[in-house]
Amino acid sequence: MALHYHCRHCGVKVGSIDKMTVSSEQLGFDHLTDEERQEMITYQQNGDIQIKTICEDCHDALNRYPEFHQYESFIQ
């Protein structure tokens, strides 16, 4: 079982944690609302967990162009 982080906007793989030696509290999942958890965390059939995050490039673009927040995907 592993955690895989992908950018919610451009889909790039941000990183992975292969060993499940961390708790959901250590990962900060306990700070998410139920709605945020449903939106951001997906459980795969093989036991892996996929987490939607924001990569540095998309984060920078959102800071430069705040109107991009209204779009699910703004990278062409």
PDB file of N, CA and C in Angstrom:
ATOM      1  N   MET A   1       0.858  -1.180   0.000  1.00  0.00           N
ATOM      2  CA  MET A   1       0.000   0.000   0.000  1.00  0.00           C
ATOM      3  C   MET A   1       0.899   1.236   0.000  1.00  0.00           C
ATOM      4  N   ALA A   2       0.563   2.210  -0.860  1.00  0.00           N
ATOM      5  CA  ALA A   2       1.349   3.431  -0.995  1.00  0.00           C
ATOM      6  C   ALA A   2       0.429   4.625  -1.171  1.00  0.00           C
ATOM      7  N   LEU A   3       0.969   5.787  -0.886  1.00  0.00           N
ATOM      8  CA  LEU A   3       0.277   7.054  -1.119  1.00  0.00           C
ATOM      9  C   LEU A   3       0.886   7.697  -2.357  1.00  0.00           C
ATOM     10  N   HIS A   4       0.055   8.133  -3.286  1.00  0.00           N
ATOM     11  CA  HIS A   4       0.524   8.782  -4.502  1.00  0.00           C
ATOM     12  C   HIS A   4      -0.121  10.163  -4.589  1.00  0.00           C
ATOM     13  N   TYR A   5       0.713  11.192  -4.681  1.00  0.00           N
ATOM     14  CA  TYR A   5       0.249  12.572  -4.772  1.00  0.00           C
ATOM     15  C   TYR A   5       0.326  13.037  -6.221  1.00  0.00           C
ATOM     16  N   HIS A   6      -0.802  13.545  -6.759  1.00  0.00           N
ATOM     17  CA  HIS A   6      -0.868  14.076  -8.117  1.00  0.00           C
ATOM     18  C   HIS A   6      -1.504  15.469  -8.069  1.00  0.00           C
ATOM     19  N   CYS A   7      -1.047  16.336  -8.969  1.00  0.00           N
ATOM     20  CA  CYS A   7      -1.611  17.681  -9.047  1.00  0.00           C
ATOM     21  C   CYS A   7      -3.041  17.616  -9.573  1.00  0.00           C
ATOM     22  N   ARG A   8      -3.922  18.281  -8.897  1.00  0.00           N
ATOM     23  CA  ARG A   8      -5.333  18.294  -9.282  1.00  0.00           C
ATOM     24  C   ARG A   8      -5.572  19.074 -10.571  1.00  0.00           C
ATOM     25  N   HIS A   9      -4.642  19.924 -10.967  1.00  0.00           N
ATOM     26  CA  HIS A   9      -4.840  20.762 -12.142  1.00  0.00           C
ATOM     27  C   HIS A   9      -4.160  20.210 -13.396  1.00  0.00           C
ATOM     28  N   CYS A  10      -2.890  19.833 -13.278  1.00  0.00           N
ATOM     29  CA  CYS A  10      -2.155  19.392 -14.470  1.00  0.00           C
ATOM     30  C   CYS A  10      -1.904  17.882 -14.486  1.00  0.00           C
ATOM     31  N   GLY A  11      -2.141  17.199 -13.367  1.00  0.00           N
ATOM     32  CA  GLY A  11      -2.004  15.747 -13.320  1.00  0.00           C
ATOM     33  C   GLY A  11      -0.604  15.230 -13.082  1.00  0.00           C
ATOM     34  N   VAL A  12       0.386  16.098 -12.969  1.00  0.00           N
ATOM     35  CA  VAL A  12       1.763  15.654 -12.758  1.00  0.00           C
ATOM     36  C   VAL A  12       1.886  14.930 -11.414  1.00  0.00           C
ATOM     37  N   LYS A  13       2.731  13.891 -11.386  1.00  0.00           N
ATOM     38  CA  LYS A  13       2.962  13.171 -10.135  1.00  0.00           C
ATOM     39  C   LYS A  13       3.899  14.006  -9.269  1.00  0.00           C
ATOM     40  N   VAL A  14       3.436  14.370  -8.088  1.00  0.00           N
ATOM     41  CA  VAL A  14       4.200  15.213  -7.180  1.00  0.00           C
ATOM     42  C   VAL A  14       5.121  14.358  -6.313  1.00  0.00           C
ATOM     43  N   GLY A  15       4.657  13.179  -5.930  1.00  0.00           N
ATOM     44  CA  GLY A  15       5.485  12.300  -5.109  1.00  0.00           C
ATOM     45  C   GLY A  15       4.698  11.116  -4.592  1.00  0.00           C
ATOM     46  N   SER A  16       5.403  10.218  -3.928  1.00  0.00           N
ATOM     47  CA  SER A  16       4.790   9.018  -3.367  1.00  0.00           C
ATOM     48  C   SER A  16       5.425   8.692  -2.032  1.00  0.00           C
ATOM     49  N   ILE A  17       4.659   8.025  -1.200  1.00  0.00           N
ATOM     50  CA  ILE A  17       5.155   7.456   0.050  1.00  0.00           C
ATOM     51  C   ILE A  17       4.853   5.969  -0.046  1.00  0.00           C
ATOM     52  N   ASP A  18       5.899   5.169  -0.121  1.00  0.00           N
ATOM     53  CA  ASP A  18       5.713   3.738  -0.328  1.00  0.00           C
ATOM     54  C   ASP A  18       5.432   2.966   0.947  1.00  0.00           C
ATOM     55  N   LYS A  19       5.977   3.396   2.035  1.00  0.00           N
ATOM     56  CA  LYS A  19       5.774   2.672   3.287  1.00  0.00           C
ATOM     57  C   LYS A  19       4.710   3.382   4.113  1.00  0.00           C
ATOM     58  N   MET A  20       3.726   2.635   4.524  1.00  0.00           N
ATOM     59  CA  MET A  20       2.622   3.211   5.293  1.00  0.00           C
ATOM     60  C   MET A  20       2.960   3.204   6.786  1.00  0.00           C
ATOM     61  N   THR A  21       3.981   3.966   7.140  1.00  0.00           N
ATOM     62  CA  THR A  21       4.369   4.072   8.542  1.00  0.00           C
ATOM     63  C   THR A  21       3.924   5.390   9.142  1.00  0.00           C
ATOM     64  N   VAL A  22       3.095   6.116   8.423  1.00  0.00           N
ATOM     65  CA  VAL A  22       2.595   7.399   8.904  1.00  0.00           C
ATOM     66  C   VAL A  22       1.083   7.305   9.108  1.00  0.00           C
ATOM     67  N   SER A  23       0.608   8.042  10.060  1.00  0.00           N
ATOM     68  CA  SER A  23      -0.832   8.042  10.342  1.00  0.00           C
ATOM     69  C   SER A  23      -1.511   9.164   9.571  1.00  0.00           C
ATOM     70  N   SER A  24      -2.819   9.093   9.510  1.00  0.00           N
ATOM     71  CA  SER A  24      -3.572  10.144   8.824  1.00  0.00           C
ATOM     72  C   SER A  24      -3.394  11.484   9.538  1.00  0.00           C
ATOM     73  N   GLU A  25      -3.179  11.452  10.835  1.00  0.00           N
ATOM     74  CA  GLU A  25      -2.924  12.686  11.584  1.00  0.00           C
ATOM     75  C   GLU A  25      -1.584  13.297  11.177  1.00  0.00           C
ATOM     76  N   GLN A  26      -0.561  12.456  10.990  1.00  0.00           N
ATOM     77  CA  GLN A  26       0.739  12.958  10.565  1.00  0.00           C
ATOM     78  C   GLN A  26       0.679  13.556   9.164  1.00  0.00           C
ATOM     79  N   LEU A  27      -0.182  13.026   8.335  1.00  0.00           N
ATOM     80  CA  LEU A  27      -0.346  13.532   6.978  1.00  0.00           C
ATOM     81  C   LEU A  27      -1.248  14.758   6.916  1.00  0.00           C
ATOM     82  N   GLY A  28      -1.944  15.053   7.997  1.00  0.00           N
ATOM     83  CA  GLY A  28      -2.817  16.220   8.042  1.00  0.00           C
ATOM     84  C   GLY A  28      -4.234  15.958   7.588  1.00  0.00           C
ATOM     85  N   PHE A  29      -4.569  14.685   7.333  1.00  0.00           N
ATOM     86  CA  PHE A  29      -5.914  14.364   6.878  1.00  0.00           C
ATOM     87  C   PHE A  29      -6.976  14.718   7.910  1.00  0.00           C
ATOM     88  N   ASP A  30      -6.589  14.733   9.174  1.00  0.00           N
ATOM     89  CA  ASP A  30      -7.554  15.041  10.230  1.00  0.00           C
ATOM     90  C   ASP A  30      -7.994  16.504  10.203  1.00  0.00           C
ATOM     91  N   HIS A  31      -7.285  17.341   9.462  1.00  0.00           N
ATOM     92  CA  HIS A  31      -7.648  18.759   9.345  1.00  0.00           C
ATOM     93  C   HIS A  31      -8.624  19.015   8.198  1.00  0.00           C
ATOM     94  N   LEU A  32      -8.873  17.980   7.400  1.00  0.00           N
ATOM     95  CA  LEU A  32      -9.790  18.122   6.265  1.00  0.00           C
ATOM     96  C   LEU A  32     -11.226  17.872   6.691  1.00  0.00           C
ATOM     97  N   THR A  33     -12.145  18.567   6.055  1.00  0.00           N
ATOM     98  CA  THR A  33     -13.558  18.290   6.273  1.00  0.00           C
ATOM     99  C   THR A  33     -13.909  17.008   5.520  1.00  0.00           C
ATOM    100  N   ASP A  34     -15.070  16.436   5.791  1.00  0.00           N
ATOM    101  CA  ASP A  34     -15.508  15.242   5.072  1.00  0.00           C
ATOM    102  C   ASP A  34     -15.592  15.512   3.575  1.00  0.00           C
ATOM    103  N   GLU A  35     -16.071  16.686   3.209  1.00  0.00           N
ATOM    104  CA  GLU A  35     -16.183  17.061   1.798  1.00  0.00           C
ATOM    105  C   GLU A  35     -14.804  17.148   1.146  1.00  0.00           C
ATOM    106  N   GLU A  36     -13.837  17.749   1.844  1.00  0.00           N
ATOM    107  CA  GLU A  36     -12.482  17.846   1.313  1.00  0.00           C
ATOM    108  C   GLU A  36     -11.857  16.465   1.157  1.00  0.00           C
ATOM    109  N   ARG A  37     -12.085  15.594   2.108  1.00  0.00           N
ATOM    110  CA  ARG A  37     -11.560  14.222   2.016  1.00  0.00           C
ATOM    111  C   ARG A  37     -12.124  13.508   0.797  1.00  0.00           C
ATOM    112  N   GLN A  38     -13.433  13.626   0.581  1.00  0.00           N
ATOM    113  CA  GLN A  38     -14.057  12.970  -0.570  1.00  0.00           C
ATOM    114  C   GLN A  38     -13.512  13.516  -1.885  1.00  0.00           C
ATOM    115  N   GLU A  39     -13.220  14.814  -1.907  1.00  0.00           N
ATOM    116  CA  GLU A  39     -12.725  15.453  -3.118  1.00  0.00           C
ATOM    117  C   GLU A  39     -11.254  15.137  -3.377  1.00  0.00           C
ATOM    118  N   MET A  40     -10.467  15.006  -2.332  1.00  0.00           N
ATOM    119  CA  MET A  40      -9.019  14.913  -2.478  1.00  0.00           C
ATOM    120  C   MET A  40      -8.442  13.506  -2.390  1.00  0.00           C
ATOM    121  N   ILE A  41      -9.102  12.591  -1.717  1.00  0.00           N
ATOM    122  CA  ILE A  41      -8.526  11.276  -1.440  1.00  0.00           C
ATOM    123  C   ILE A  41      -9.331  10.194  -2.147  1.00  0.00           C
ATOM    124  N   THR A  42      -8.631   9.368  -2.915  1.00  0.00           N
ATOM    125  CA  THR A  42      -9.252   8.259  -3.637  1.00  0.00           C
ATOM    126  C   THR A  42      -8.542   6.969  -3.248  1.00  0.00           C
ATOM    127  N   TYR A  43      -9.323   5.960  -2.887  1.00  0.00           N
ATOM    128  CA  TYR A  43      -8.766   4.663  -2.513  1.00  0.00           C
ATOM    129  C   TYR A  43      -8.820   3.736  -3.715  1.00  0.00           C
ATOM    130  N   GLN A  44      -7.671   3.179  -4.085  1.00  0.00           N
ATOM    131  CA  GLN A  44      -7.570   2.284  -5.237  1.00  0.00           C
ATOM    132  C   GLN A  44      -7.864   0.850  -4.818  1.00  0.00           C
ATOM    133  N   GLN A  45      -8.219   0.009  -5.779  1.00  0.00           N
ATOM    134  CA  GLN A  45      -8.538  -1.385  -5.489  1.00  0.00           C
ATOM    135  C   GLN A  45      -7.346  -2.166  -4.954  1.00  0.00           C
ATOM    136  N   ASN A  46      -6.133  -1.765  -5.335  1.00  0.00           N
ATOM    137  CA  ASN A  46      -4.941  -2.478  -4.874  1.00  0.00           C
ATOM    138  C   ASN A  46      -4.487  -2.027  -3.484  1.00  0.00           C
ATOM    139  N   GLY A  47      -5.237  -1.121  -2.864  1.00  0.00           N
ATOM    140  CA  GLY A  47      -4.915  -0.640  -1.527  1.00  0.00           C
ATOM    141  C   GLY A  47      -4.164   0.676  -1.492  1.00  0.00           C
ATOM    142  N   ASP A  48      -3.696   1.134  -2.650  1.00  0.00           N
ATOM    143  CA  ASP A  48      -3.008   2.418  -2.708  1.00  0.00           C
ATOM    144  C   ASP A  48      -4.003   3.556  -2.510  1.00  0.00           C
ATOM    145  N   ILE A  49      -3.476   4.688  -2.118  1.00  0.00           N
ATOM    146  CA  ILE A  49      -4.294   5.882  -1.912  1.00  0.00           C
ATOM    147  C   ILE A  49      -3.761   6.974  -2.835  1.00  0.00           C
ATOM    148  N   GLN A  50      -4.649   7.585  -3.602  1.00  0.00           N
ATOM    149  CA  GLN A  50      -4.280   8.685  -4.482  1.00  0.00           C
ATOM    150  C   GLN A  50      -4.806   9.977  -3.872  1.00  0.00           C
ATOM    151  N   ILE A  51      -3.921  10.965  -3.779  1.00  0.00           N
ATOM    152  CA  ILE A  51      -4.258  12.236  -3.150  1.00  0.00           C
ATOM    153  C   ILE A  51      -4.064  13.365  -4.149  1.00  0.00           C
ATOM    154  N   LYS A  52      -5.089  14.186  -4.295  1.00  0.00           N
ATOM    155  CA  LYS A  52      -4.998  15.356  -5.169  1.00  0.00           C
ATOM    156  C   LYS A  52      -4.389  16.499  -4.367  1.00  0.00           C
ATOM    157  N   THR A  53      -3.368  17.117  -4.934  1.00  0.00           N
ATOM    158  CA  THR A  53      -2.693  18.246  -4.317  1.00  0.00           C
ATOM    159  C   THR A  53      -2.469  19.295  -5.401  1.00  0.00           C
ATOM    160  N   ILE A  54      -1.615  20.255  -5.173  1.00  0.00           N
ATOM    161  CA  ILE A  54      -1.284  21.255  -6.180  1.00  0.00           C
ATOM    162  C   ILE A  54       0.233  21.324  -6.294  1.00  0.00           C
ATOM    163  N   CYS A  55       0.754  21.162  -7.515  1.00  0.00           N
ATOM    164  CA  CYS A  55       2.198  21.217  -7.732  1.00  0.00           C
ATOM    165  C   CYS A  55       2.675  22.674  -7.657  1.00  0.00           C
ATOM    166  N   GLU A  56       3.989  22.843  -7.595  1.00  0.00           N
ATOM    167  CA  GLU A  56       4.557  24.185  -7.479  1.00  0.00           C
ATOM    168  C   GLU A  56       4.220  25.064  -8.675  1.00  0.00           C
ATOM    169  N   ASP A  57       4.265  24.495  -9.870  1.00  0.00           N
ATOM    170  CA  ASP A  57       3.986  25.299 -11.066  1.00  0.00           C
ATOM    171  C   ASP A  57       2.554  25.822 -11.060  1.00  0.00           C
ATOM    172  N   CYS A  58       1.602  24.952 -10.726  1.00  0.00           N
ATOM    173  CA  CYS A  58       0.205  25.382 -10.682  1.00  0.00           C
ATOM    174  C   CYS A  58      -0.034  26.345  -9.522  1.00  0.00           C
ATOM    175  N   HIS A  59       0.643  26.123  -8.421  1.00  0.00           N
ATOM    176  CA  HIS A  59       0.527  27.033  -7.272  1.00  0.00           C
ATOM    177  C   HIS A  59       1.012  28.431  -7.669  1.00  0.00           C
ATOM    178  N   ASP A  60       2.152  28.482  -8.365  1.00  0.00           N
ATOM    179  CA  ASP A  60       2.672  29.776  -8.822  1.00  0.00           C
ATOM    180  C   ASP A  60       1.702  30.448  -9.790  1.00  0.00           C
ATOM    181  N   ALA A  61       1.128  29.659 -10.708  1.00  0.00           N
ATOM    182  CA  ALA A  61       0.171  30.218 -11.667  1.00  0.00           C
ATOM    183  C   ALA A  61      -1.058  30.761 -10.946  1.00  0.00           C
ATOM    184  N   LEU A  62      -1.534  30.051  -9.933  1.00  0.00           N
ATOM    185  CA  LEU A  62      -2.701  30.516  -9.174  1.00  0.00           C
ATOM    186  C   LEU A  62      -2.386  31.808  -8.413  1.00  0.00           C
ATOM    187  N   ASN A  63      -1.156  31.925  -7.928  1.00  0.00           N
ATOM    188  CA  ASN A  63      -0.775  33.160  -7.238  1.00  0.00           C
ATOM    189  C   ASN A  63      -0.686  34.334  -8.203  1.00  0.00           C
ATOM    190  N   ARG A  64      -0.196  34.075  -9.420  1.00  0.00           N
ATOM    191  CA  ARG A  64      -0.069  35.149 -10.411  1.00  0.00           C
ATOM    192  C   ARG A  64      -1.413  35.531 -11.024  1.00  0.00           C
ATOM    193  N   TYR A  65      -2.291  34.535 -11.181  1.00  0.00           N
ATOM    194  CA  TYR A  65      -3.585  34.755 -11.829  1.00  0.00           C
ATOM    195  C   TYR A  65      -4.700  34.183 -10.943  1.00  0.00           C
ATOM    196  N   PRO A  66      -5.111  34.897  -9.912  1.00  0.00           N
ATOM    197  CA  PRO A  66      -6.115  34.393  -8.969  1.00  0.00           C
ATOM    198  C   PRO A  66      -7.440  33.995  -9.621  1.00  0.00           C
ATOM    199  N   GLU A  67      -7.741  34.548 -10.787  1.00  0.00           N
ATOM    200  CA  GLU A  67      -8.985  34.190 -11.458  1.00  0.00           C
ATOM    201  C   GLU A  67      -8.983  32.724 -11.914  1.00  0.00           C
ATOM    202  N   PHE A  68      -7.820  32.092 -11.973  1.00  0.00           N
ATOM    203  CA  PHE A  68      -7.721  30.676 -12.341  1.00  0.00           C
ATOM    204  C   PHE A  68      -8.373  29.761 -11.304  1.00  0.00           C
ATOM    205  N   HIS A  69      -8.588  30.248 -10.099  1.00  0.00           N
ATOM    206  CA  HIS A  69      -9.227  29.433  -9.054  1.00  0.00           C
ATOM    207  C   HIS A  69     -10.611  28.941  -9.463  1.00  0.00           C
ATOM    208  N   GLN A  70     -11.241  29.633 -10.390  1.00  0.00           N
ATOM    209  CA  GLN A  70     -12.587  29.241 -10.811  1.00  0.00           C
ATOM    210  C   GLN A  70     -12.582  28.037 -11.745  1.00  0.00           C
ATOM    211  N   TYR A  71     -11.400  27.635 -12.242  1.00  0.00           N
ATOM    212  CA  TYR A  71     -11.302  26.532 -13.191  1.00  0.00           C
ATOM    213  C   TYR A  71     -10.743  25.276 -12.533  1.00  0.00           C
ATOM    214  N   GLU A  72     -11.294  24.135 -12.877  1.00  0.00           N
ATOM    215  CA  GLU A  72     -10.769  22.858 -12.399  1.00  0.00           C
ATOM    216  C   GLU A  72      -9.400  22.602 -13.031  1.00  0.00           C
ATOM    217  N   SER A  73      -9.287  22.898 -14.319  1.00  0.00           N
ATOM    218  CA  SER A  73      -8.019  22.721 -15.038  1.00  0.00           C
ATOM    219  C   SER A  73      -7.772  23.976 -15.864  1.00  0.00           C
ATOM    220  N   PHE A  74      -6.624  24.559 -15.690  1.00  0.00           N
ATOM    221  CA  PHE A  74      -6.295  25.780 -16.427  1.00  0.00           C
ATOM    222  C   PHE A  74      -5.008  25.644 -17.213  1.00  0.00           C
ATOM    223  N   ILE A  75      -4.338  24.522 -17.103  1.00  0.00           N
ATOM    224  CA  ILE A  75      -3.101  24.275 -17.835  1.00  0.00           C
ATOM    225  C   ILE A  75      -3.459  23.689 -19.193  1.00  0.00           C
ATOM    226  N   GLN A  76      -2.981  24.308 -20.241  1.00  0.00           N
ATOM    227  CA  GLN A  76      -3.284  23.840 -21.604  1.00  0.00           C
ATOM    228  C   GLN A  76      -2.176  22.951 -22.108  1.00  0.00           C
TER     229      GLN A  76
END
